Protein backbone atom coordinates (compact mmCIF):
# COMPACT_ATOMS: atom_id res chain seq x y z
CA MET A 1 -10.21 1.60 15.64
CA GLU A 2 -11.96 3.35 12.80
CA SER A 3 -11.12 3.16 9.11
CA VAL A 4 -12.28 4.10 5.65
CA GLY A 5 -11.10 2.98 2.21
CA ILE A 6 -11.57 4.29 -1.34
CA SER A 7 -10.27 2.78 -4.58
CA GLU A 8 -11.03 4.45 -7.86
CA ILE A 9 -9.99 4.10 -11.51
CA GLY A 10 -8.69 7.65 -12.02
CA LEU A 11 -9.12 9.62 -15.22
CA PHE A 12 -7.03 7.70 -17.78
CA ARG A 13 -6.99 3.98 -17.02
CA GLU A 14 -9.54 1.57 -18.55
CA ASN A 15 -9.86 -0.57 -15.41
CA ASN A 16 -8.88 -0.50 -11.77
CA GLU A 17 -5.86 -2.72 -11.10
CA ASP A 18 -5.75 -1.63 -7.46
CA ALA A 19 -7.39 -3.62 -4.68
CA ILE A 20 -7.94 -2.77 -1.03
CA TYR A 21 -9.09 -4.63 2.06
CA ARG A 22 -9.92 -3.49 5.57
CA ASP A 23 -11.30 -5.26 8.60
CA ASP A 24 -11.51 -3.16 11.79
CA ASP A 25 -12.40 -6.16 13.95
CA LYS A 26 -9.23 -8.04 12.98
CA GLY A 27 -7.19 -4.91 12.45
CA ILE A 28 -6.06 -5.84 8.94
CA TYR A 29 -5.66 -3.27 6.18
CA ILE A 30 -4.19 -3.86 2.71
CA VAL A 31 -3.46 -1.88 -0.46
CA ALA A 32 -2.29 -3.76 -3.54
CA ASP A 33 -1.50 -2.16 -6.94
CA GLY A 34 -1.49 -4.74 -9.74
CA MET A 35 0.38 -4.71 -13.01
CA GLY A 36 0.44 -6.84 -16.10
CA GLY A 37 -2.08 -5.49 -18.59
CA HIS A 38 -5.14 -7.25 -20.13
CA LYS A 39 -6.71 -7.16 -16.66
CA ALA A 40 -3.92 -9.39 -15.36
CA GLY A 41 -2.91 -6.65 -12.88
CA GLU A 42 -6.46 -6.51 -11.58
CA ARG A 43 -6.39 -10.26 -11.06
CA ALA A 44 -2.95 -10.14 -9.43
CA SER A 45 -3.93 -7.60 -6.77
CA HIS A 46 -7.14 -9.41 -5.86
CA LEU A 47 -5.54 -12.84 -5.85
CA ALA A 48 -2.70 -11.62 -3.63
CA ILE A 49 -5.15 -10.28 -1.04
CA GLU A 50 -7.35 -13.39 -1.18
CA THR A 51 -4.34 -15.70 -0.70
CA PHE A 52 -2.86 -13.59 2.07
CA LEU A 53 -6.12 -13.60 4.03
CA ALA A 54 -6.54 -17.36 3.60
CA SER A 55 -3.00 -17.92 4.84
CA PHE A 56 -2.82 -15.43 7.71
CA SER A 57 -4.37 -15.80 11.12
CA THR A 58 -4.41 -13.30 14.02
CA ASN A 59 -5.13 -16.11 16.52
CA GLY A 60 -1.51 -17.03 17.19
CA GLN A 61 0.90 -15.68 19.78
CA THR A 62 1.59 -11.96 19.38
CA GLU A 63 5.29 -12.52 18.93
CA ASP A 64 4.60 -14.85 16.03
CA LEU A 65 2.54 -12.34 14.05
CA PRO A 66 5.43 -10.80 12.07
CA ASP A 67 6.57 -14.24 10.87
CA GLN A 68 2.99 -15.18 10.04
CA LEU A 69 2.54 -11.97 8.08
CA VAL A 70 5.74 -12.57 6.07
CA GLY A 71 4.70 -16.17 5.47
CA ALA A 72 1.26 -15.18 4.22
CA MET A 73 2.84 -12.65 1.83
CA ALA A 74 5.13 -15.42 0.53
CA LYS A 75 2.05 -17.59 -0.11
CA ALA A 76 0.49 -14.70 -2.02
CA ASN A 77 3.67 -14.42 -4.07
CA GLU A 78 3.56 -18.10 -4.95
CA ALA A 79 -0.09 -17.98 -5.92
CA VAL A 80 0.30 -14.97 -8.21
CA TYR A 81 3.42 -16.40 -9.87
CA LYS A 82 1.83 -19.80 -10.40
CA GLU A 83 -1.21 -18.29 -12.10
CA SER A 84 1.03 -15.98 -14.21
CA GLN A 85 2.76 -19.05 -15.64
CA ALA A 86 -0.47 -20.94 -16.29
CA GLU A 87 -1.88 -18.46 -18.84
CA GLU A 88 0.03 -16.68 -21.55
CA THR A 89 -1.97 -13.44 -21.19
CA LYS A 90 -1.02 -13.25 -17.51
CA GLN A 91 2.71 -13.78 -17.80
CA GLY A 92 4.64 -11.14 -15.92
CA MET A 93 1.69 -10.09 -13.79
CA GLY A 94 2.37 -8.97 -10.25
CA THR A 95 1.36 -6.51 -7.58
CA THR A 96 2.67 -4.25 -4.91
CA PHE A 97 1.47 -5.24 -1.44
CA THR A 98 1.36 -3.00 1.63
CA CYS A 99 -0.49 -4.24 4.67
CA ALA A 100 -0.94 -3.09 8.24
CA LEU A 101 -1.85 -5.28 11.19
CA VAL A 102 -3.04 -3.07 14.03
CA GLN A 103 -3.47 -4.60 17.46
CA GLN A 104 -3.26 -3.14 20.95
CA LYS A 105 -1.73 0.16 19.93
CA ARG A 106 0.89 -1.56 17.79
CA ALA A 107 1.13 -1.65 14.02
CA ILE A 108 3.04 -4.24 12.04
CA ILE A 109 3.54 -3.15 8.45
CA GLY A 110 4.41 -5.65 5.68
CA HIS A 111 5.60 -4.17 2.44
CA VAL A 112 6.65 -4.98 -1.13
CA GLY A 113 6.74 -2.50 -4.00
CA ASP A 114 5.99 1.23 -4.09
CA SER A 115 2.57 1.49 -2.48
CA ARG A 116 3.15 3.24 0.82
CA ALA A 117 2.28 3.39 4.50
CA TYR A 118 2.45 6.68 6.36
CA LEU A 119 1.94 7.75 9.97
CA PHE A 120 0.28 11.13 10.57
CA ARG A 121 0.88 12.37 14.14
CA ASP A 122 0.66 15.86 15.62
CA GLY A 123 0.49 17.55 12.24
CA THR A 124 3.45 15.64 10.78
CA LEU A 125 3.29 13.05 8.01
CA ARG A 126 6.06 10.45 8.05
CA GLN A 127 6.58 7.69 5.48
CA ILE A 128 6.99 4.34 7.23
CA THR A 129 7.74 2.17 4.23
CA ARG A 130 10.63 2.51 1.78
CA ASP A 131 9.82 2.21 -1.92
CA HIS A 132 11.21 -0.78 -3.76
CA SER A 133 11.81 1.19 -6.93
CA TYR A 134 14.52 1.97 -9.48
CA VAL A 135 14.73 5.61 -8.43
CA MET A 136 14.98 4.86 -4.70
CA GLU A 137 17.88 2.51 -5.45
CA MET A 138 19.52 5.42 -7.27
CA VAL A 139 18.88 7.65 -4.26
CA LYS A 140 20.52 5.10 -1.96
CA GLN A 141 23.55 5.07 -4.25
CA GLY A 142 23.71 8.87 -4.17
CA LYS A 143 23.01 9.14 -7.88
CA LEU A 144 19.66 10.96 -7.46
CA THR A 145 18.24 13.35 -4.92
CA LEU A 146 14.71 12.76 -3.55
CA ALA A 147 13.55 15.77 -5.54
CA GLU A 148 15.04 14.35 -8.75
CA ALA A 149 13.54 10.91 -8.00
CA ALA A 150 10.08 12.41 -7.64
CA VAL A 151 10.05 13.55 -11.30
CA HIS A 152 12.33 10.90 -12.85
CA PRO A 153 10.78 9.21 -15.96
CA LYS A 154 11.47 5.77 -14.37
CA ARG A 155 9.96 6.63 -10.97
CA ASN A 156 7.23 4.02 -11.41
CA VAL A 157 9.60 1.12 -12.17
CA ILE A 158 9.54 -1.18 -9.13
CA THR A 159 12.27 -3.61 -8.14
CA ARG A 160 10.17 -6.01 -6.04
CA ALA A 161 6.65 -7.30 -6.52
CA VAL A 162 4.35 -10.06 -5.31
CA GLY A 163 4.31 -12.55 -8.15
CA SER A 164 8.04 -12.77 -8.78
CA LYS A 165 9.76 -16.06 -9.52
CA GLU A 166 12.35 -15.66 -6.78
CA PRO A 167 11.46 -16.13 -3.10
CA LEU A 168 9.75 -12.97 -1.95
CA SER A 169 11.82 -10.45 0.00
CA SER A 170 9.45 -8.33 2.06
CA ASP A 171 10.08 -5.55 4.54
CA VAL A 172 8.49 -5.44 8.00
CA PHE A 173 8.13 -2.28 10.07
CA PHE A 174 6.84 -1.76 13.63
CA GLU A 175 5.11 1.31 15.01
CA THR A 176 3.77 2.06 18.50
CA LEU A 177 0.57 4.01 18.03
CA ARG A 178 -0.91 6.81 20.10
CA ALA A 179 -4.53 7.92 20.44
CA GLY A 180 -5.42 10.14 17.52
CA ASP A 181 -2.72 8.76 15.18
CA VAL A 182 -3.77 8.17 11.60
CA LEU A 183 -2.27 5.46 9.38
CA LEU A 184 -2.46 6.12 5.64
CA LEU A 185 -2.01 3.27 3.20
CA CYS A 186 -2.06 4.24 -0.47
CA SER A 187 -1.09 3.28 -3.98
CA ASP A 188 1.24 5.48 -6.02
CA GLY A 189 -1.80 6.86 -7.82
CA LEU A 190 -2.09 9.18 -4.85
CA THR A 191 1.55 9.98 -4.12
CA THR A 192 2.63 10.67 -7.71
CA MET A 193 -0.17 13.22 -8.04
CA VAL A 194 -0.36 14.80 -4.57
CA GLY A 195 2.69 15.94 -2.63
CA GLU A 196 3.26 14.88 0.98
CA GLU A 197 2.91 18.46 2.20
CA GLU A 198 -0.58 18.72 0.71
CA ILE A 199 -1.55 15.27 2.04
CA ALA A 200 -0.49 16.43 5.51
CA THR A 201 -2.48 19.64 5.17
CA ILE A 202 -5.61 17.70 4.33
CA LEU A 203 -5.17 15.31 7.27
CA GLU A 204 -4.42 18.21 9.60
CA GLU A 205 -7.92 19.61 8.98
CA ASN A 206 -9.21 16.81 11.24
CA LEU A 207 -12.08 16.02 8.91
CA PRO A 208 -14.23 12.89 9.31
CA LEU A 209 -12.21 10.02 7.84
CA GLU A 210 -14.61 9.51 4.90
CA GLU A 211 -14.32 13.16 3.95
CA ALA A 212 -10.55 13.20 4.32
CA ALA A 213 -10.15 10.12 2.11
CA ARG A 214 -12.53 11.57 -0.43
CA ARG A 215 -10.55 14.80 -0.53
CA LEU A 216 -7.26 12.95 -1.08
CA VAL A 217 -8.70 11.01 -4.04
CA ASP A 218 -10.29 14.12 -5.48
CA ARG A 219 -6.97 16.01 -5.34
CA ALA A 220 -5.23 13.19 -7.17
CA ASN A 221 -7.85 13.44 -9.89
CA PHE A 222 -7.60 17.26 -9.89
CA TYR A 223 -3.89 17.03 -10.63
CA GLY A 224 -4.40 14.63 -13.52
CA GLY A 225 -5.62 11.27 -12.16
CA LYS A 226 -3.10 9.42 -14.34
CA ASP A 227 -3.33 6.16 -12.41
CA ASN A 228 -5.72 4.19 -10.23
CA ILE A 229 -6.01 5.78 -6.77
CA SER A 230 -6.40 3.81 -3.55
CA VAL A 231 -6.48 5.21 -0.04
CA ILE A 232 -7.06 3.62 3.37
CA LEU A 233 -7.13 5.78 6.48
CA VAL A 234 -7.03 4.14 9.92
CA GLN A 235 -7.45 6.23 13.06
CA CYS A 236 -6.57 5.13 16.56
CA GLU A 237 -9.35 5.80 19.04
CA VAL A 238 -8.99 9.02 20.93
CA GLU A 239 -8.70 8.36 24.66
CA PRO A 240 -11.20 10.24 26.90
């Protein structure tokens, strides 16, 4: 397994509220996009990752890993919420949380919010996760099309976050990976600036991972860089 990660501030924000984590040995990859202002979002994303890693272990039985992943995300939710209530300047802070556990050609994806996980295979980019957002709820109800949702003024309003008072409701997805597959985890700072077709075109060039990730971030900045931008690319080893 090979991976690369980049997280940058973008062109307009004063600080980077995104946080990323990757560990090729353990096969753990995380993108978290914090919110809350006054650097509370930055604290939320880092605290969520720290708590998740302290609570999650890959040493258990394989069949237990999805439950362990969900449990660790719940612990992260509790930690962020508890700290948000302890300080007035942090009230309401939270974070998206999209993580991938990759082991033995299988990926388990845990997801809350509107950061995303994609699978790029044979020239095709497919979104694995489903955004927990106001506009996607409207799409489900048939009140918006996907094209309308992409430009809706409330497209960045999320309906679930790590740090909420209620017990966390997280999604879990499973993917069987093939040699040469690329997993993309990213914050919405990428996807609101760069369309999926252009992302796929960049990945199809088969560049070294570092160069491909760099190009994705640069394109987001080229189109305005209105938000923090985080990208993790994970490539399955190509079989001889």
